[in-house]
Amino acid sequence: MTERWATFDCYGTLIDWEGGLRGSLAQLWPGQDVELLRHRYHQLEPIVQAGRALPYREVQRRTLRALAAVEDLALAPGQDARLAEALPNWPAFVDVPPALTALRDHGWRLAILSNTDPDFLAASVEHIGVPIDLRITAADAGSYKPALGHWQTFYARTGASPKRHVHVAASAFHDLAPAASLAIPAVWINREAETSNLPRAAELPDLTALPATVERLVPVS
């Protein structure tokens, strides 16, 4: 029987990225509009990442400096490392461990494809508390999603069949778009109640119903 693989983005999907980002931005700039700053951060980070193979902690530093410059905000020396210092402590969503455990119990192999550094991802997997069969970071892929390096590396390492593979992610830009280009069924975990015209095989508010959803998309054969 061909193995079934569920691949995941980590931050925003499994780990509370948005909560962590909001908290860090509020600490850096008390009294500022955190939602505006968060939105601007999401606009700037892909620009910093594009076409580069920078370590993710350097992406975070450069993005915070760009955010401060664009919004005319003070950023003291060393404060550009605030996100890198905080990220390893950001928690997993409460729905994540039971959903991943149920997937493993049903024979699914689990992988994380993340735009981050290996040490960050290792800390986050500890918070998740469920064994992960394969981890692929931006350092492994040599690029940042939505570039296709993560998926190319995943297939090269696993020999997985695209017909037995589902990708699960919260980011339409970073994950739904490339999954669609590769004809991989994608489950959008839409925790922020966003809108998107990008194709997906299913849309869920969290991971609670994920085990039943992927069983429907890729049944046991």
Foldseek 3Di string as FASTA:
>chain_A
DAAFAEEEAPDPFWFPNVVLQLVLVCVQPPPDDSVVLVVQLVVQLCVLQPPALDAVLVSQLVSVVVSCVVVVHDADPPSSNSCVVRLLVTATDPLQLVLVVVCVVVRYAYEYEYAHDPVSVVSHVVRSVDDHPYYHYSNNQVGAFVPCSSVVSVCVVPVHDLQSYEYEYADCRRPLVSCVVVVRAYEHCPCPPDDDPRDHPYYHVHSNCVVVVSCVSHPDD
